[in-house]
């Protein structure tokens, strides 16, 4: 059986789903729950800790292209196994940090090594092991991993009632070794090295070198993901205070809680009905949903139903974005060099995502809430236009013009 015809084994998909839940839960989602305890222990403000986490995310973004390139060369499974060791070690360093400065350095290290175990490298593993069925497996994975926050927010909260934050992180480090490491080591046997992927890609008509048209499409893709990351991050961090400030009061928290279920629902809908849809146009739909929701919110506030529609639209768009982040580069450029391209997409999105919360705070303080929200609408629509341009270029090209034969 060729790589193109290969199917990702069910155990590998289930295992990857578990490691993504653990990875995002322990390296990202648990931080917000532990911040009050950490701040009290290290004698710093919660704002300082969130600022340190934002800087860590920004620095970690630059590790994604290297991780992707290594995945192309060595096989994604091997990179994920190495990343698992790094995740466990850096969580231990965070847990043992004696002061705020060493905590910030260790926290940054967790975000650097996370590039080797989260979505980009997991998607690359699926592409290398899953062949022509990789796109469907990516959708399956995002559906499973979408429960990371739903599981780790309450789990971390529950653990704080029994052990302190340092011990919680040590437990999470152990989970990486005991649960994630065996999965990633087993996956290393399935994932192809770059030479195998190249031979299979060329045999199936994929080509290694992008033309000028392909370079333009890649630039537009980076721009679209960067803008989308900025708009989504700006809204997610401030969603509760924004809805409360618009007159929804305590209902703002209920509105925000709809985001997660809507995000998972969008992935499920795409799994059932999205099989024949071009990923370029799915990217357009994903990018349009959030500004559409914002327009509904601004036009109907403080109407509760309008706020609910806003949260649902934003959740649907975010869920589809997670899928498109892995499937669009695959559809446009094929499997050769997929890890490296995905790494650059991740960097573009994560850089803008890390600066968006601060920029949104400055904007709301400077020009007010509603003008800032209309600004996000305009920014988000600009991202959608980048994906529209990709769709038009791809639709109008003849075979072989995006990739050289």
Protein backbone atom coordinates (compact mmCIF):
# COMPACT_ATOMS: atom_id res chain seq x y z
CA UNK A 1 0.00 0.00 0.00
CA UNK A 2 1.38 3.43 -0.93
CA UNK A 3 1.45 6.40 1.41
CA UNK A 4 -1.23 7.99 -0.77
CA UNK A 5 -3.58 5.05 -0.13
CA UNK A 6 -2.69 4.63 3.54
CA UNK A 7 -5.24 5.12 6.28
CA UNK A 8 -4.36 6.38 9.74
CA UNK A 9 -5.08 3.52 12.19
CA UNK A 10 -7.89 4.15 14.64
CA UNK A 11 -5.58 3.74 17.63
CA UNK A 12 -3.25 6.41 16.24
CA UNK A 13 -6.08 8.91 15.78
CA UNK A 14 -7.48 8.19 19.25
CA UNK A 15 -3.99 8.42 20.75
CA UNK A 16 -3.27 11.70 19.01
CA UNK A 17 -6.63 13.02 20.22
CA UNK A 18 -5.67 12.17 23.79
CA UNK A 19 -2.24 13.76 23.50
CA UNK A 20 -3.71 16.94 22.01
CA UNK A 21 -6.20 17.22 24.86
CA UNK A 22 -3.35 16.74 27.34
CA UNK A 23 -1.01 19.08 25.46
CA UNK A 24 -3.44 21.98 25.19
CA UNK A 25 -4.85 21.31 28.65
CA UNK A 26 -1.49 21.30 30.46
CA UNK A 27 0.48 23.80 28.38
CA UNK A 28 -2.23 26.38 27.72
CA UNK A 29 -5.67 26.10 29.32
CA UNK A 30 -4.58 25.33 32.89
CA UNK A 31 -2.61 28.58 33.16
CA UNK A 32 -5.65 30.82 33.61
CA UNK A 33 -6.94 28.61 36.44
CA UNK A 34 -3.59 28.55 38.27
CA UNK A 35 -2.78 32.26 37.92
CA UNK A 36 -4.31 33.39 41.27
CA UNK A 37 -2.35 30.78 43.24
CA UNK A 38 0.86 31.45 41.33
CA UNK A 39 0.52 35.21 41.81
CA UNK A 40 0.09 34.79 45.55
CA UNK A 41 3.03 32.40 45.82
CA UNK A 42 5.47 34.46 43.72
CA UNK A 43 4.26 37.85 45.04
CA UNK A 44 3.42 39.29 41.63
CA UNK A 45 0.18 40.59 40.17
CA UNK A 46 -2.11 38.48 38.03
CA UNK A 47 -1.67 41.04 35.25
CA UNK A 48 2.08 40.48 35.38
CA UNK A 49 1.56 36.73 34.97
CA UNK A 50 -0.79 37.13 32.04
CA UNK A 51 1.74 39.48 30.47
CA UNK A 52 4.48 36.90 30.97
CA UNK A 53 2.27 34.27 29.34
CA UNK A 54 1.62 36.55 26.36
CA UNK A 55 5.36 37.08 25.90
CA UNK A 56 5.90 33.33 26.20
CA UNK A 57 3.31 32.70 23.47
CA UNK A 58 4.96 35.31 21.24
CA UNK A 59 8.44 33.82 21.64
CA UNK A 60 7.09 30.29 21.27
CA UNK A 61 5.53 31.21 17.95
CA UNK A 62 8.96 31.41 16.34
CA UNK A 63 9.66 27.75 17.13
CA UNK A 64 6.89 26.46 14.86
CA UNK A 65 8.77 26.66 11.52
CA UNK A 66 11.77 24.82 12.97
CA UNK A 67 9.51 22.15 14.45
CA UNK A 68 7.73 21.78 11.11
CA UNK A 69 10.99 21.51 9.19
CA UNK A 70 12.27 18.84 11.60
CA UNK A 71 9.00 16.96 11.22
CA UNK A 72 9.47 16.97 7.44
CA UNK A 73 13.02 15.67 7.77
CA UNK A 74 12.82 13.26 10.70
CA UNK A 75 9.17 12.27 10.81
CA UNK A 76 6.53 14.00 12.92
CA UNK A 77 6.24 11.12 15.39
CA UNK A 78 9.88 11.46 16.39
CA UNK A 79 9.53 15.20 16.81
CA UNK A 80 6.43 14.70 18.98
CA UNK A 81 8.30 12.18 21.16
CA UNK A 82 11.14 14.68 21.65
CA UNK A 83 8.58 17.41 22.29
CA UNK A 84 6.93 15.25 24.94
CA UNK A 85 10.21 15.02 26.85
CA UNK A 86 10.63 18.77 26.51
CA UNK A 87 7.06 19.41 27.70
CA UNK A 88 7.54 17.26 30.80
CA UNK A 89 10.89 18.82 31.65
CA UNK A 90 9.74 22.41 31.19
CA UNK A 91 6.60 21.82 33.28
CA UNK A 92 8.89 20.53 36.04
CA UNK A 93 11.02 23.67 35.70
CA UNK A 94 7.93 25.86 36.01
CA UNK A 95 6.82 23.92 39.08
CA UNK A 96 10.23 24.33 40.72
CA UNK A 97 10.72 28.01 39.83
CA UNK A 98 11.83 29.85 42.99
CA UNK A 99 10.94 33.35 41.82
CA UNK A 100 9.03 35.30 39.18
CA UNK A 101 11.96 35.70 36.78
CA UNK A 102 12.79 32.00 36.66
CA UNK A 103 9.07 31.23 36.38
CA UNK A 104 8.79 33.48 33.31
CA UNK A 105 11.81 31.83 31.65
CA UNK A 106 10.48 28.34 32.32
CA UNK A 107 7.00 29.32 31.13
CA UNK A 108 8.52 30.59 27.89
CA UNK A 109 10.33 27.28 27.49
CA UNK A 110 7.00 25.42 27.71
CA UNK A 111 5.67 27.42 24.78
CA UNK A 112 8.82 26.84 22.72
CA UNK A 113 8.66 23.06 23.12
CA UNK A 114 4.87 23.02 22.68
CA UNK A 115 5.42 23.53 18.95
CA UNK A 116 6.58 19.93 18.82
CA UNK A 117 3.48 18.39 20.40
CA UNK A 118 0.44 20.49 19.46
CA UNK A 119 -1.71 20.80 16.33
CA UNK A 120 0.90 21.69 13.68
CA UNK A 121 3.10 18.67 14.34
CA UNK A 122 0.08 16.42 14.99
CA UNK A 123 -1.39 17.45 11.63
CA UNK A 124 1.94 16.71 9.99
CA UNK A 125 1.96 13.26 11.58
CA UNK A 126 -1.50 12.61 10.16
CA UNK A 127 -0.42 13.76 6.69
CA UNK A 128 2.66 11.55 6.80
CA UNK A 129 0.82 8.48 8.11
CA UNK A 130 -2.65 9.03 6.70
CA UNK A 131 -1.95 9.58 3.02
CA UNK A 132 -4.88 10.67 0.87
CA UNK A 133 -7.30 10.39 3.79
CA UNK A 134 -5.40 12.88 5.91
CA UNK A 135 -7.90 15.71 5.50
CA UNK A 136 -10.72 13.70 7.08
CA UNK A 137 -8.44 12.57 9.91
CA UNK A 138 -7.49 16.19 10.64
CA UNK A 139 -11.18 17.03 11.05
CA UNK A 140 -11.58 14.03 13.37
CA UNK A 141 -8.61 15.18 15.45
CA UNK A 142 -9.90 18.74 15.87
CA UNK A 143 -13.25 17.32 16.95
CA UNK A 144 -11.61 15.22 19.68
CA UNK A 145 -9.15 17.89 20.82
CA UNK A 146 -11.91 20.48 21.04
CA UNK A 147 -12.72 19.09 24.49
CA UNK A 148 -9.35 20.12 25.97
CA UNK A 149 -10.68 23.20 27.74
CA UNK A 150 -13.89 21.46 28.80
CA UNK A 151 -11.82 18.77 30.53
CA UNK A 152 -8.81 20.66 31.87
CA UNK A 153 -10.51 23.77 33.23
CA UNK A 154 -12.64 21.75 35.67
CA UNK A 155 -9.88 19.19 36.29
CA UNK A 156 -7.37 21.88 37.23
CA UNK A 157 -9.96 23.65 39.37
CA UNK A 158 -10.74 20.38 41.17
CA UNK A 159 -7.06 19.62 41.78
CA UNK A 160 -6.50 23.02 43.39
CA UNK A 161 -8.72 21.82 46.20
CA UNK A 162 -6.26 19.05 47.07
CA UNK A 163 -2.73 20.09 46.04
CA UNK A 164 -0.93 23.35 45.27
CA UNK A 165 -0.15 24.67 41.82
CA UNK A 166 3.39 23.32 41.80
CA UNK A 167 2.22 19.77 42.48
CA UNK A 168 -0.47 20.09 39.82
CA UNK A 169 2.18 20.92 37.21
CA UNK A 170 4.30 17.98 38.38
CA UNK A 171 1.28 15.71 37.93
CA UNK A 172 0.77 17.12 34.43
CA UNK A 173 4.45 16.53 33.62
CA UNK A 174 4.05 12.90 34.67
CA UNK A 175 0.98 12.55 32.43
CA UNK A 176 3.07 13.65 29.45
CA UNK A 177 5.59 10.89 30.15
CA UNK A 178 3.10 8.15 31.03
CA UNK A 179 0.37 8.84 28.46
CA UNK A 180 1.77 10.95 25.62
CA UNK A 181 5.22 9.39 25.26
CA UNK A 182 4.04 5.85 24.40
CA UNK A 183 1.61 7.23 21.81
CA UNK A 184 4.23 9.40 20.14
CA UNK A 185 6.84 6.63 20.13
CA UNK A 186 4.35 4.28 18.47
CA UNK A 187 3.41 7.02 16.01
CA UNK A 188 7.08 7.45 15.09
CA UNK A 189 6.92 4.04 13.42
CA UNK A 190 4.09 5.20 11.16
CA UNK A 191 5.21 8.64 10.09
CA UNK A 192 7.26 8.93 6.94
CA UNK A 193 10.54 10.70 6.53
CA UNK A 194 10.66 13.45 3.96
CA UNK A 195 12.16 11.23 1.27
CA UNK A 196 9.25 8.81 1.45
CA UNK A 197 6.74 11.64 1.33
CA UNK A 198 8.52 13.25 -1.61
CA UNK A 199 8.56 10.03 -3.63
CA UNK A 200 4.88 9.35 -2.90
CA UNK A 201 3.90 12.97 -3.59
CA UNK A 202 5.66 13.03 -6.94
CA UNK A 203 4.20 9.66 -7.90
CA UNK A 204 0.70 11.03 -7.29
CA UNK A 205 1.31 14.22 -9.26
CA UNK A 206 2.22 16.57 -6.43
CA UNK A 207 5.23 18.74 -7.08
CA UNK A 208 7.94 20.16 -4.86
CA UNK A 209 8.52 23.67 -6.06
CA UNK A 210 6.06 26.54 -5.83
CA UNK A 211 5.72 28.88 -8.79
CA UNK A 212 5.23 32.63 -8.58
CA UNK A 213 1.48 31.97 -8.36
CA UNK A 214 2.11 29.53 -5.52
CA UNK A 215 4.25 32.08 -3.66
CA UNK A 216 1.44 34.63 -3.90
CA UNK A 217 -1.08 32.09 -2.60
CA UNK A 218 1.24 31.21 0.28
CA UNK A 219 1.66 34.89 1.18
CA UNK A 220 -2.10 35.42 1.08
CA UNK A 221 -2.59 32.34 3.26
CA UNK A 222 -0.14 33.68 5.87
CA UNK A 223 -1.88 37.07 5.78
CA UNK A 224 -5.32 35.50 6.16
CA UNK A 225 -4.30 33.33 9.10
CA UNK A 226 -2.49 36.24 10.79
CA UNK A 227 -5.50 38.55 10.53
CA UNK A 228 -7.90 35.82 11.61
CA UNK A 229 -5.71 35.01 14.61
CA UNK A 230 -5.65 38.66 15.65
CA UNK A 231 -9.41 39.15 15.42
CA UNK A 232 -10.28 35.93 17.21
CA UNK A 233 -7.77 36.44 20.03
CA UNK A 234 -8.84 40.05 20.55
CA UNK A 235 -12.43 38.93 21.04
CA UNK A 236 -11.86 35.74 23.03
CA UNK A 237 -9.85 37.36 25.81
CA UNK A 238 -12.34 40.20 26.24
CA UNK A 239 -15.63 38.47 25.40
CA UNK A 240 -17.08 38.51 28.93
CA UNK A 241 -16.30 42.16 29.78
CA UNK A 242 -17.38 43.22 26.27
CA UNK A 243 -20.81 41.59 26.53
CA UNK A 244 -21.25 42.93 30.05
CA UNK A 245 -20.28 46.45 28.96
CA UNK A 246 -22.85 46.27 26.15
CA UNK A 247 -25.60 45.93 28.73
CA UNK A 248 -25.95 42.18 29.13
CA UNK A 249 -24.71 42.16 32.71
CA UNK A 250 -24.34 38.73 34.30
CA UNK A 251 -25.75 37.13 31.13
CA UNK A 252 -22.45 37.95 29.46
CA UNK A 253 -20.86 34.93 31.14
CA UNK A 254 -23.63 32.68 29.84
CA UNK A 255 -23.14 34.07 26.35
CA UNK A 256 -19.40 33.42 26.51
CA UNK A 257 -20.02 29.83 27.65
CA UNK A 258 -21.72 29.10 24.32
CA UNK A 259 -18.45 29.59 22.44
CA UNK A 260 -16.98 26.17 23.27
CA UNK A 261 -20.03 24.06 22.30
CA UNK A 262 -20.42 26.05 19.07
CA UNK A 263 -16.76 25.45 18.26
CA UNK A 264 -17.13 21.68 18.62
CA UNK A 265 -20.45 21.73 16.74
CA UNK A 266 -18.87 23.40 13.72
CA UNK A 267 -16.28 20.65 13.49
CA UNK A 268 -18.99 18.00 13.71
CA UNK A 269 -21.06 19.69 10.99
CA UNK A 270 -18.02 19.94 8.76
CA UNK A 271 -17.27 16.26 9.33
CA UNK A 272 -20.74 15.27 8.12
CA UNK A 273 -21.46 17.79 5.37
CA UNK A 274 -18.15 19.40 4.41
CA UNK A 275 -16.49 16.54 2.54
CA UNK A 276 -16.90 17.99 -0.95
CA UNK A 277 -16.21 21.64 -0.11
CA UNK A 278 -12.98 23.30 -1.20
CA UNK A 279 -10.87 24.19 1.84
CA UNK A 280 -10.15 27.61 0.33
CA UNK A 281 -13.85 28.46 0.41
CA UNK A 282 -14.28 26.82 3.81
CA UNK A 283 -11.60 29.28 4.98
CA UNK A 284 -13.74 32.14 3.65
CA UNK A 285 -16.78 30.86 5.55
CA UNK A 286 -14.73 30.51 8.73
CA UNK A 287 -13.33 34.04 8.38
CA UNK A 288 -16.73 35.63 7.69
CA UNK A 289 -18.60 34.05 10.60
CA UNK A 290 -16.95 36.11 13.35
CA UNK A 291 -17.47 39.57 11.80
CA UNK A 292 -21.01 38.49 10.96
CA UNK A 293 -21.56 37.66 14.62
CA UNK A 294 -20.08 40.99 15.68
CA UNK A 295 -22.38 42.91 13.34
CA UNK A 296 -25.36 41.05 14.84
CA UNK A 297 -24.13 41.88 18.35
CA UNK A 298 -23.59 45.57 17.61
CA UNK A 299 -26.89 45.90 15.76
CA UNK A 300 -29.01 44.21 18.45
CA UNK A 301 -27.30 45.00 21.77
CA UNK A 302 -28.41 44.61 24.52
CA UNK A 303 -30.79 42.00 23.07
CA UNK A 304 -29.85 38.65 24.64
CA UNK A 305 -30.75 36.60 21.57
CA UNK A 306 -28.46 38.73 19.42
CA UNK A 307 -25.59 38.13 21.83
CA UNK A 308 -26.28 34.40 21.70
CA UNK A 309 -26.13 34.47 17.89
CA UNK A 310 -22.85 36.38 18.14
CA UNK A 311 -21.27 33.75 20.43
CA UNK A 312 -22.50 30.92 18.21
CA UNK A 313 -21.12 32.57 15.06
CA UNK A 314 -17.78 33.19 16.72
CA UNK A 315 -17.59 29.63 18.00
CA UNK A 316 -18.51 28.18 14.62
CA UNK A 317 -15.87 30.32 12.92
CA UNK A 318 -13.20 29.38 15.43
CA UNK A 319 -13.96 25.68 15.08
CA UNK A 320 -13.71 25.82 11.30
CA UNK A 321 -10.51 27.86 11.55
CA UNK A 322 -8.83 25.05 13.48
CA UNK A 323 -9.70 22.66 10.66
CA UNK A 324 -8.70 24.98 7.83
CA UNK A 325 -5.37 25.70 9.53
CA UNK A 326 -4.38 22.11 8.80
CA UNK A 327 -6.31 21.29 5.63
CA UNK A 328 -5.82 24.42 3.51
CA UNK A 329 -2.00 24.15 3.21
CA UNK A 330 -2.46 20.47 2.37
CA UNK A 331 -5.02 21.17 -0.34
CA UNK A 332 -3.03 24.01 -1.88
CA UNK A 333 0.52 22.64 -1.74
CA UNK A 334 0.35 18.92 -1.07
CA UNK A 335 2.31 16.80 1.39
CA UNK A 336 5.88 17.67 0.45
CA UNK A 337 7.15 20.34 2.83
CA UNK A 338 3.79 20.35 4.62
CA UNK A 339 5.29 20.55 8.11
CA UNK A 340 7.41 23.58 7.32
CA UNK A 341 4.54 25.45 5.64
CA UNK A 342 2.23 24.69 8.52
CA UNK A 343 4.90 25.94 10.91
CA UNK A 344 5.02 29.32 9.17
CA UNK A 345 1.21 29.53 9.20
CA UNK A 346 1.26 28.82 12.93
CA UNK A 347 3.88 31.50 13.53
CA UNK A 348 1.92 34.12 11.59
CA UNK A 349 -1.26 33.37 13.52
CA UNK A 350 0.36 33.06 16.95
CA UNK A 351 2.30 36.32 16.67
CA UNK A 352 -0.82 38.34 15.99
CA UNK A 353 -2.81 36.34 18.56
CA UNK A 354 -0.29 37.18 21.28
CA UNK A 355 -0.43 40.94 20.70
CA UNK A 356 -4.18 41.20 20.05
CA UNK A 357 -5.42 41.24 23.67
CA UNK A 358 -3.15 44.16 24.62
CA UNK A 359 -3.91 46.01 21.39
CA UNK A 360 -7.65 45.57 21.96
CA UNK A 361 -7.35 46.87 25.52
CA UNK A 362 -5.51 49.97 24.28
CA UNK A 363 -8.08 50.48 21.54
CA UNK A 364 -11.06 50.23 23.90
CA UNK A 365 -9.45 52.66 26.32
CA UNK A 366 -8.54 55.08 23.53
CA UNK A 367 -11.50 55.17 21.13
CA UNK A 368 -14.20 53.32 23.06
CA UNK A 369 -15.83 49.90 22.97
CA UNK A 370 -18.11 50.09 19.93
CA UNK A 371 -15.57 51.76 17.58
CA UNK A 372 -13.05 49.10 18.62
CA UNK A 373 -15.52 46.34 17.80
CA UNK A 374 -16.28 47.86 14.39
CA UNK A 375 -12.53 47.95 13.86
CA UNK A 376 -12.37 44.20 14.52
CA UNK A 377 -15.17 43.70 11.98
CA UNK A 378 -13.13 45.54 9.32
CA UNK A 379 -9.93 43.69 10.22
CA UNK A 380 -11.68 40.30 10.14
CA UNK A 381 -13.25 41.03 6.76
CA UNK A 382 -9.81 41.90 5.41
CA UNK A 383 -8.70 38.40 6.40
CA UNK A 384 -11.72 36.93 4.64
CA UNK A 385 -10.76 38.84 1.49
CA UNK A 386 -7.32 37.22 1.56
CA UNK A 387 -8.97 33.80 1.50
CA UNK A 388 -11.38 34.93 -1.24
CA UNK A 389 -8.35 35.89 -3.34
CA UNK A 390 -6.88 32.43 -2.76
CA UNK A 391 -10.14 30.81 -3.85
CA UNK A 392 -10.25 32.88 -7.03
CA UNK A 393 -6.62 32.17 -7.91
CA UNK A 394 -7.06 28.44 -7.36
CA UNK A 395 -10.36 28.35 -9.25
CA UNK A 396 -8.90 30.13 -12.28
CA UNK A 397 -5.57 28.34 -12.51
CA UNK A 398 -4.95 25.50 -14.89
CA UNK A 399 -3.45 22.24 -13.57
CA UNK A 400 0.21 22.64 -12.67
CA UNK A 401 0.30 26.44 -12.39
CA UNK A 402 0.34 26.55 -8.60
CA UNK A 403 3.03 23.89 -8.32
CA UNK A 404 5.64 23.20 -10.94
CA UNK A 405 5.75 19.75 -12.46
